[in-house]
Protein backbone atom coordinates (compact mmCIF):
# COMPACT_ATOMS: atom_id res chain seq x y z
CA MET A 1 90.95 13.28 140.70
CA THR A 2 87.50 11.83 140.02
CA GLY A 3 84.78 13.72 138.22
CA GLY A 4 82.73 14.06 141.41
CA ALA A 5 85.63 15.43 143.42
CA ARG A 6 86.48 17.87 140.62
CA SER A 7 82.87 19.05 140.50
CA ARG A 8 82.78 19.64 144.27
CA LEU A 9 86.08 21.52 144.10
CA LEU A 10 84.75 23.77 141.34
CA LYS A 11 81.66 24.52 143.42
CA LEU A 12 83.84 25.44 146.40
CA ALA A 13 86.24 27.59 144.34
CA PRO A 14 84.26 30.87 144.62
CA ALA A 15 83.93 30.47 148.39
CA LEU A 16 87.62 29.64 148.76
CA GLY A 17 88.52 32.65 146.63
CA ALA A 18 86.38 34.93 148.78
CA VAL A 19 87.99 33.59 151.97
CA MET A 20 91.51 34.11 150.55
CA LEU A 21 90.63 37.65 149.45
CA PHE A 22 89.23 38.46 152.89
CA ALA A 23 92.29 36.98 154.60
CA ALA A 24 94.62 39.05 152.39
CA SER A 25 92.76 42.22 153.40
CA CYS A 26 93.40 41.51 157.08
CA ALA A 27 97.21 41.83 156.95
CA SER A 28 98.55 43.33 160.17
CA ASP A 29 101.76 44.62 158.56
CA ALA A 30 100.71 46.40 155.36
CA PRO A 31 103.05 49.35 154.70
CA GLN A 32 101.09 50.41 151.61
CA ASP A 33 97.68 50.41 153.31
CA THR A 34 95.84 53.40 151.86
CA LEU A 35 93.22 53.17 154.63
CA LYS A 36 95.75 54.20 157.29
CA PRO A 37 96.48 57.86 156.43
CA GLU A 38 99.45 59.53 158.07
CA GLY A 39 99.39 62.92 156.38
CA PRO A 40 96.87 65.77 155.86
CA ALA A 41 96.20 65.00 152.18
CA ALA A 42 95.78 61.28 152.80
CA GLN A 43 93.47 62.04 155.73
CA LYS A 44 91.23 64.19 153.52
CA ILE A 45 91.01 61.36 150.99
CA ASP A 46 90.22 58.91 153.79
CA ASN A 47 87.48 61.21 155.14
CA LEU A 48 85.78 61.06 151.74
CA ILE A 49 86.33 57.45 150.78
CA LYS A 50 84.99 55.88 153.98
CA PRO A 51 81.49 57.42 153.67
CA ILE A 52 81.48 56.47 149.98
CA PHE A 53 82.36 52.87 150.90
CA GLY A 54 79.49 52.96 153.40
CA ILE A 55 77.05 54.21 150.77
CA ALA A 56 78.31 51.62 148.28
CA GLY A 57 77.81 48.92 150.90
CA VAL A 58 74.20 49.99 151.51
CA VAL A 59 73.52 50.07 147.76
CA MET A 60 75.03 46.61 147.36
CA VAL A 61 72.87 45.18 150.15
CA LEU A 62 69.70 46.78 148.74
CA VAL A 63 70.36 45.67 145.16
CA LEU A 64 71.49 42.13 145.94
CA GLY A 65 68.89 41.77 148.69
CA GLY A 66 66.14 42.94 146.34
CA ALA A 67 67.35 40.57 143.60
CA LEU A 68 67.39 37.61 145.99
CA PHE A 69 63.99 38.54 147.44
CA ILE A 70 62.40 38.79 143.98
CA ALA A 71 64.03 35.53 142.84
CA TRP A 72 62.64 33.76 145.92
CA LYS A 73 59.19 35.34 146.02
CA PHE A 74 58.41 34.88 142.33
CA ARG A 75 60.09 31.52 141.80
CA ALA A 76 58.26 28.80 139.92
CA ARG A 77 57.02 26.36 142.58
CA ASP A 78 56.07 23.65 140.07
CA ASP A 79 55.71 23.12 136.35
CA ASP A 80 52.17 24.57 136.29
CA ASP A 81 53.44 27.73 138.00
CA PHE A 82 56.13 28.36 135.39
CA ASN A 83 55.59 31.39 133.14
CA GLU A 84 58.02 32.18 130.36
CA MET A 85 56.80 35.78 130.16
CA PRO A 86 56.45 37.33 133.65
CA LYS A 87 54.26 40.33 134.28
CA GLN A 88 55.75 43.45 132.66
CA ILE A 89 55.98 46.84 134.39
CA HIS A 90 57.24 48.84 131.40
CA GLY A 91 55.63 52.26 131.47
CA HIS A 92 55.29 52.34 135.25
CA PHE A 93 56.05 56.04 135.54
CA LYS A 94 56.73 56.24 139.28
CA ALA A 95 59.03 53.20 139.29
CA GLU A 96 61.03 54.35 136.28
CA ILE A 97 61.45 57.89 137.62
CA GLY A 98 62.38 56.50 141.03
CA TRP A 99 65.18 54.20 139.90
CA THR A 100 66.50 56.89 137.54
CA ILE A 101 66.41 59.95 139.81
CA ALA A 102 67.59 58.28 143.03
CA PRO A 103 70.93 57.00 141.66
CA ALA A 104 71.48 60.27 139.78
CA LEU A 105 70.99 62.31 142.96
CA LEU A 106 73.25 59.97 144.91
CA LEU A 107 76.03 60.21 142.33
CA ALA A 108 75.61 63.99 142.12
CA VAL A 109 76.14 64.37 145.87
CA ILE A 110 79.19 62.08 145.83
CA GLY A 111 80.52 63.88 142.75
CA ALA A 112 80.18 67.29 144.39
CA PHE A 113 82.21 66.23 147.43
CA THR A 114 84.77 64.52 145.18
CA VAL A 115 85.28 67.57 142.95
CA ASN A 116 85.58 69.78 146.03
CA LEU A 117 88.31 67.50 147.40
CA ILE A 118 90.15 67.48 144.05
CA PHE A 119 90.32 71.29 144.07
CA ASP A 120 91.33 71.28 147.73
CA LEU A 121 94.24 68.91 147.08
CA ALA A 122 95.30 70.94 144.04
CA GLN A 123 95.88 74.13 146.04
CA LYS A 124 99.37 75.61 145.89
CA PRO A 125 101.68 74.45 148.68
CA GLU A 126 102.80 76.80 151.43
CA LYS A 127 105.70 79.17 150.76
CA ASP A 128 108.07 77.30 153.07
CA ALA A 129 107.36 73.94 151.42
CA VAL A 130 110.38 71.86 150.47
CA GLN A 131 110.77 71.92 146.68
CA VAL A 132 111.68 68.60 145.04
CA GLU A 133 111.77 67.44 141.43
CA VAL A 134 110.90 63.75 141.04
CA TYR A 135 112.07 61.87 137.95
CA GLY A 136 110.66 58.46 137.11
CA GLN A 137 112.94 56.22 135.10
CA GLN A 138 113.11 52.52 134.33
CA TRP A 139 113.17 51.40 137.14
CA TRP A 140 113.97 53.82 139.95
CA TRP A 141 113.17 57.34 141.19
CA GLU A 142 115.50 60.34 141.33
CA TYR A 143 114.95 63.27 143.71
CA ARG A 144 116.40 66.74 143.10
CA TYR A 145 116.09 69.41 145.80
CA ASP A 146 115.87 73.19 145.42
CA LEU A 147 116.70 74.33 148.95
CA ASN A 148 116.90 78.09 148.40
CA GLY A 149 113.97 78.60 146.02
CA ASP A 150 116.07 79.86 143.11
CA GLY A 151 114.61 77.33 140.67
CA ASP A 152 117.84 75.33 140.46
CA TYR A 153 117.05 71.75 141.48
CA THR A 154 120.66 70.64 141.86
CA ASP A 155 121.33 71.55 145.48
CA ILE A 156 120.94 67.86 146.33
CA ILE A 157 120.60 65.00 143.84
CA THR A 158 119.76 61.63 145.33
CA ALA A 159 117.73 58.49 144.61
CA ASN A 160 115.51 55.83 146.17
CA ASP A 161 115.02 57.54 149.57
CA LEU A 162 112.98 60.76 149.52
CA VAL A 163 113.98 62.46 152.77
CA ILE A 164 111.48 65.06 154.04
CA PRO A 165 110.84 66.98 157.27
CA ALA A 166 107.80 65.74 159.20
CA GLY A 167 105.04 68.30 159.73
CA ARG A 168 106.03 70.41 156.71
CA GLU A 169 104.67 70.40 153.19
CA VAL A 170 106.81 69.02 150.38
CA ALA A 171 106.01 70.23 146.85
CA LEU A 172 106.84 67.55 144.30
CA LYS A 173 107.20 68.20 140.58
CA ILE A 174 106.82 64.77 139.02
CA LYS A 175 108.39 64.06 135.63
CA SER A 176 109.58 61.12 133.52
CA ARG A 177 112.67 60.47 131.45
CA ASP A 178 111.30 57.60 129.38
CA VAL A 179 107.80 56.06 129.69
CA ILE A 180 104.78 56.78 131.88
CA HIS A 181 105.29 55.97 135.57
CA SER A 182 103.11 56.78 138.57
CA TRP A 183 104.37 57.96 141.97
CA TRP A 184 102.28 56.82 144.95
CA SER A 185 102.96 56.78 148.66
CA PRO A 186 99.44 55.83 149.81
CA ARG A 187 99.72 56.94 153.43
CA LEU A 188 100.70 60.48 152.37
CA ASN A 189 98.54 61.30 149.32
CA GLY A 190 96.99 59.90 146.17
CA LYS A 191 98.97 58.83 143.13
CA LYS A 192 100.28 61.10 140.41
CA ASP A 193 101.48 60.02 136.96
CA ALA A 194 104.96 60.85 135.67
CA VAL A 195 104.52 61.57 131.97
CA PRO A 196 107.33 62.38 129.49
CA GLY A 197 107.31 66.06 128.55
CA ARG A 198 104.91 67.07 131.35
CA VAL A 199 105.17 68.26 134.95
CA HIS A 200 102.60 67.01 137.44
CA PRO A 201 102.56 68.68 140.88
CA LEU A 202 101.80 66.80 144.09
CA THR A 203 102.00 68.00 147.69
CA ILE A 204 102.78 65.53 150.45
CA GLU A 205 103.26 65.92 154.19
CA ALA A 206 103.95 63.36 156.91
CA ASP A 207 102.40 63.85 160.34
CA ASP A 208 105.26 62.15 162.17
CA PRO A 209 108.82 60.93 161.52
CA GLY A 210 108.93 57.46 160.01
CA GLU A 211 109.22 55.53 156.77
CA TYR A 212 106.37 55.57 154.25
CA ILE A 213 106.49 52.92 151.55
CA GLY A 214 105.09 53.33 148.06
CA GLN A 215 105.15 51.90 144.58
CA CYS A 216 105.14 52.83 140.93
CA THR A 217 101.53 52.12 139.94
CA GLU A 218 101.75 52.45 136.14
CA PHE A 219 103.12 49.47 134.22
CA CYS A 220 106.42 50.72 132.85
CA GLY A 221 108.34 47.65 131.72
CA LEU A 222 109.86 44.40 132.84
CA SER A 223 110.84 45.51 136.36
CA HIS A 224 107.80 47.68 137.06
CA ALA A 225 106.94 45.72 140.21
CA GLU A 226 110.46 46.35 141.53
CA MET A 227 110.26 50.14 141.12
CA ARG A 228 109.58 51.01 144.72
CA ILE A 229 109.24 54.22 146.69
CA LYS A 230 110.47 55.05 150.17
CA VAL A 231 109.72 58.36 151.89
CA VAL A 232 111.81 58.94 155.00
CA ALA A 233 110.31 61.61 157.28
CA VAL A 234 112.63 63.05 159.93
CA THR A 235 112.47 65.90 162.42
CA GLU A 236 113.18 69.44 161.24
CA ASP A 237 116.57 69.44 162.95
CA GLU A 238 117.47 66.09 161.42
CA PHE A 239 116.39 67.33 157.99
CA SER A 240 118.59 70.44 158.31
CA ALA A 241 121.55 68.27 159.31
CA TRP A 242 120.83 65.90 156.42
CA THR A 243 120.66 68.68 153.81
CA GLU A 244 123.89 70.22 155.13
CA HIS A 245 125.67 66.88 154.99
CA GLN A 246 124.39 66.05 151.48
CA GLN A 247 126.02 69.24 150.16
CA GLN A 248 129.47 68.35 151.48
CA PRO A 249 132.03 67.86 148.68
CA PHE A 250 133.38 64.53 147.52
CA GLU A 251 136.27 63.23 149.62
CA LYS A 252 139.00 61.20 147.99
CA PRO A 253 139.49 57.73 149.44
CA THR A 254 142.77 56.94 151.15
CA ASP A 255 142.56 53.17 151.71
CA GLU A 256 144.30 51.11 149.00
CA ALA A 257 141.26 48.94 148.26
CA ALA A 258 138.99 52.00 148.10
CA ILE A 259 141.43 53.74 145.74
CA ASN A 260 141.37 50.67 143.48
CA GLY A 261 137.57 50.72 143.64
CA TRP A 262 137.64 54.41 142.75
CA GLY A 263 139.56 53.54 139.61
CA SER A 264 137.15 50.71 138.74
CA PHE A 265 134.21 53.05 139.29
CA ALA A 266 135.79 55.68 137.04
CA GLY A 267 136.45 53.15 134.31
CA GLN A 268 133.29 51.04 134.46
CA CYS A 269 130.45 52.99 136.08
CA THR A 270 130.63 56.64 135.07
CA SER A 271 129.12 56.12 131.62
CA CYS A 272 125.81 56.03 133.51
CA HIS A 273 126.36 56.98 137.16
CA GLU A 274 127.19 60.44 138.38
CA LEU A 275 128.90 61.30 141.64
CA THR A 276 128.67 65.00 142.39
CA GLY A 277 132.13 66.54 142.71
CA MET A 278 133.99 63.35 141.87
CA ILE A 279 137.40 63.80 140.33
CA ASP A 280 139.31 61.59 137.91
CA PRO A 281 141.70 59.30 139.82
CA SER A 282 143.92 59.07 136.71
CA SER A 283 144.52 62.83 136.75
CA ALA A 284 147.56 62.40 139.02
CA ASP A 285 150.36 59.89 139.30
CA ASP A 286 149.16 59.03 142.78
CA PRO A 287 145.32 58.94 142.86
CA SER A 288 145.34 60.14 146.45
CA ASP A 289 147.02 63.34 145.24
CA ALA A 290 144.31 64.16 142.67
CA THR A 291 142.83 67.62 143.14
CA ASP A 292 139.48 69.18 142.42
CA GLU A 293 140.83 71.03 139.37
CA PHE A 294 140.76 67.70 137.52
CA VAL A 295 137.04 67.17 137.04
CA PHE A 296 136.12 63.70 135.85
CA PRO A 297 135.64 64.09 132.05
CA GLN A 298 132.54 61.93 131.66
CA GLN A 299 130.61 64.28 133.97
CA LYS A 300 131.06 67.13 131.53
CA ASN A 301 129.35 65.36 128.73
CA GLN A 302 127.11 62.85 130.42
CA VAL A 303 123.86 62.54 128.51
CA SER A 304 122.39 59.25 129.62
CA ASN A 305 121.40 60.12 133.20
CA ALA A 306 120.60 56.42 133.23
CA ALA A 307 121.62 55.63 136.79
CA PRO A 308 121.41 57.22 140.25
CA ASN A 309 123.77 59.90 141.44
CA LEU A 310 125.80 58.10 144.13
CA ALA A 311 126.92 61.13 146.14
CA HIS A 312 126.74 60.21 149.85
CA PHE A 313 125.48 56.77 148.85
CA MET A 314 125.96 55.34 152.34
CA THR A 315 123.47 57.77 153.90
CA ARG A 316 120.64 55.98 152.09
CA SER A 317 118.73 53.01 153.40
CA THR A 318 118.00 51.31 150.07
CA PHE A 319 119.45 50.72 146.61
CA ALA A 320 118.38 49.18 143.28
CA GLY A 321 115.18 51.20 143.03
CA ALA A 322 114.54 50.75 146.78
CA MET A 323 114.23 47.01 146.18
CA TYR A 324 117.05 46.07 148.58
CA ASP A 325 117.95 47.43 152.00
CA LEU A 326 121.42 48.95 152.11
CA ARG A 327 121.61 48.36 155.86
CA LYS A 328 120.74 45.18 157.70
CA ASP A 329 117.18 44.93 158.95
CA THR A 330 117.98 44.72 162.64
CA PRO A 331 116.57 46.94 165.43
CA GLU A 332 120.07 48.21 166.22
CA CYS A 333 120.79 49.28 162.65
CA THR A 334 117.31 50.64 161.95
CA ALA A 335 117.45 52.76 165.10
CA LEU A 336 120.60 54.46 163.80
CA GLY A 337 118.65 55.92 160.85
CA THR A 338 120.82 57.90 158.43
CA THR A 339 123.76 57.89 160.87
CA TRP A 340 124.43 54.16 160.56
CA ALA A 341 127.16 54.76 157.98
CA SER A 342 128.85 57.65 159.75
CA THR A 343 131.51 55.38 161.27
CA ASP A 344 133.51 52.39 160.05
CA ASP A 345 132.13 50.40 162.98
CA GLY A 346 128.55 51.22 161.94
CA ILE A 347 129.25 50.14 158.36
CA GLU A 348 130.90 46.91 159.51
CA LYS A 349 127.87 46.02 161.66
CA CYS A 350 125.06 47.23 159.46
CA LEU A 351 126.03 47.17 155.78
CA ASN A 352 124.00 44.65 153.80
CA ARG A 353 127.15 43.51 152.07
CA THR A 354 125.60 40.28 150.77
CA ASP A 355 122.98 41.96 148.55
CA LEU A 356 125.27 44.83 147.55
CA GLU A 357 127.96 42.44 146.33
CA ALA A 358 125.35 40.28 144.56
CA TRP A 359 124.04 43.42 142.82
CA LEU A 360 127.51 44.31 141.56
CA ARG A 361 128.06 40.70 140.52
CA ASP A 362 124.91 40.35 138.37
CA ALA A 363 122.36 43.16 138.65
CA PRO A 364 119.93 41.82 135.99
CA ALA A 365 119.51 38.58 137.94
CA MET A 366 118.79 40.56 141.12
CA LYS A 367 116.07 42.71 139.57
CA HIS A 368 114.46 40.40 137.03
CA MET A 369 115.88 42.17 134.03
CA ALA A 370 117.28 40.27 131.07
CA PRO A 371 119.71 37.76 132.69
CA GLY A 372 123.29 38.23 131.61
CA ASP A 373 122.60 41.61 130.01
CA VAL A 374 125.93 43.11 128.98
CA ALA A 375 126.90 46.74 129.23
CA SER A 376 125.61 48.76 126.31
CA LEU A 377 124.13 52.14 125.61
CA ASN A 378 120.74 50.47 125.12
CA SER A 379 120.72 48.68 128.48
CA ARG A 380 117.71 49.29 130.70
CA GLY A 381 118.69 48.95 134.29
CA MET A 382 122.17 48.14 135.48
CA PRO A 383 123.88 45.57 133.22
CA ASN A 384 126.23 42.76 134.18
CA PHE A 385 129.82 44.01 133.82
CA ASP A 386 131.35 40.58 134.57
CA LEU A 387 133.39 42.08 137.39
CA SER A 388 135.95 39.93 139.16
CA GLU A 389 135.55 39.22 142.86
CA ASP A 390 138.54 41.49 143.59
CA GLN A 391 136.91 44.32 141.64
CA ILE A 392 133.66 43.81 143.57
CA ASP A 393 135.52 43.93 146.89
CA ASP A 394 137.30 47.13 145.83
CA LEU A 395 134.09 48.75 144.60
CA VAL A 396 132.37 48.01 147.92
CA ALA A 397 135.34 49.50 149.73
CA PHE A 398 135.00 52.65 147.59
CA LEU A 399 131.22 52.89 148.00
CA THR A 400 131.54 52.69 151.78
CA THR A 401 133.62 55.89 151.69
CA LEU A 402 130.68 57.82 150.20
CA LYS A 403 129.31 58.84 153.60
């Protein structure tokens, strides 16, 4: 590239950057668009931010317009007109008071409305609000439900998908198990940090059933960008059915491949993963004869809590920190919602087997963690267990029984 061409390109760079920025802001499918509120809290924020954007736009036009006007009006027209020391207005009382008081009053008015909104959003949720503890962890989110208000957040333990009833407040208690994270579903409310040793409350509510996408917005390590959020709002009846189903006990697999996968899961996965109510397949000569009196030993002393609880895994729509869809992204499968995995036929048609098997084969490569990371107590994220293809097939067969 010649020097002239390079010079012209450099001159065009700011304009090209502005055009690209404008084009990016015009995306038609932007699931994390904070300017499209779909909940009461998000709507209140939107009602405040739009007038502030309008005021900021007026201020920008006045300031830049005034600067351009002054630069043009008082420009040096020739060498004789050039003056190194322009006329000074220091000590012009009215001008100095004007450009001091006007911005202060403007910021005071904006500040008053902002503080009022902060207090409004901080009000206690309604008594019938759904109570959920949210745990941020490298690099996924865990959700624990207290359905009867007794303060015990173990009625349902799930991950990745936060299922809520539309039209009803959900009181979140946001915490962290390791570093600082930040939970944000922009169409439902503002963001709230998850800080180790602290509890930060946040109330969300979705106007209508649907899926509301979010993101961890505090840099928390190598896979921060892959720590996603998915809120699934359903009708009140669907939520009641979901909560009832999530509390059903673990059912032992009966298929030979699934039984083998059960054994692989018990031997390889339970140092990190929990599965509520799971029993030890080695507690009986025939694993299919194992009974609930043989509780899987690792669950008694599990301290890592390093991986999601996989109870009713197939009722979720995502896995790996909501990075991958568990079901295929087809209209037929999406329309089935949480019932897609209720039948073998639904699983056969809709399971995203390709990504699930790839995850079991080499999770670090799938989520941009340290490639080839081996299983260890210090692993962050799911390590590579070097599973055989037969083990992967058996594990998938077992996971598909967790309906």
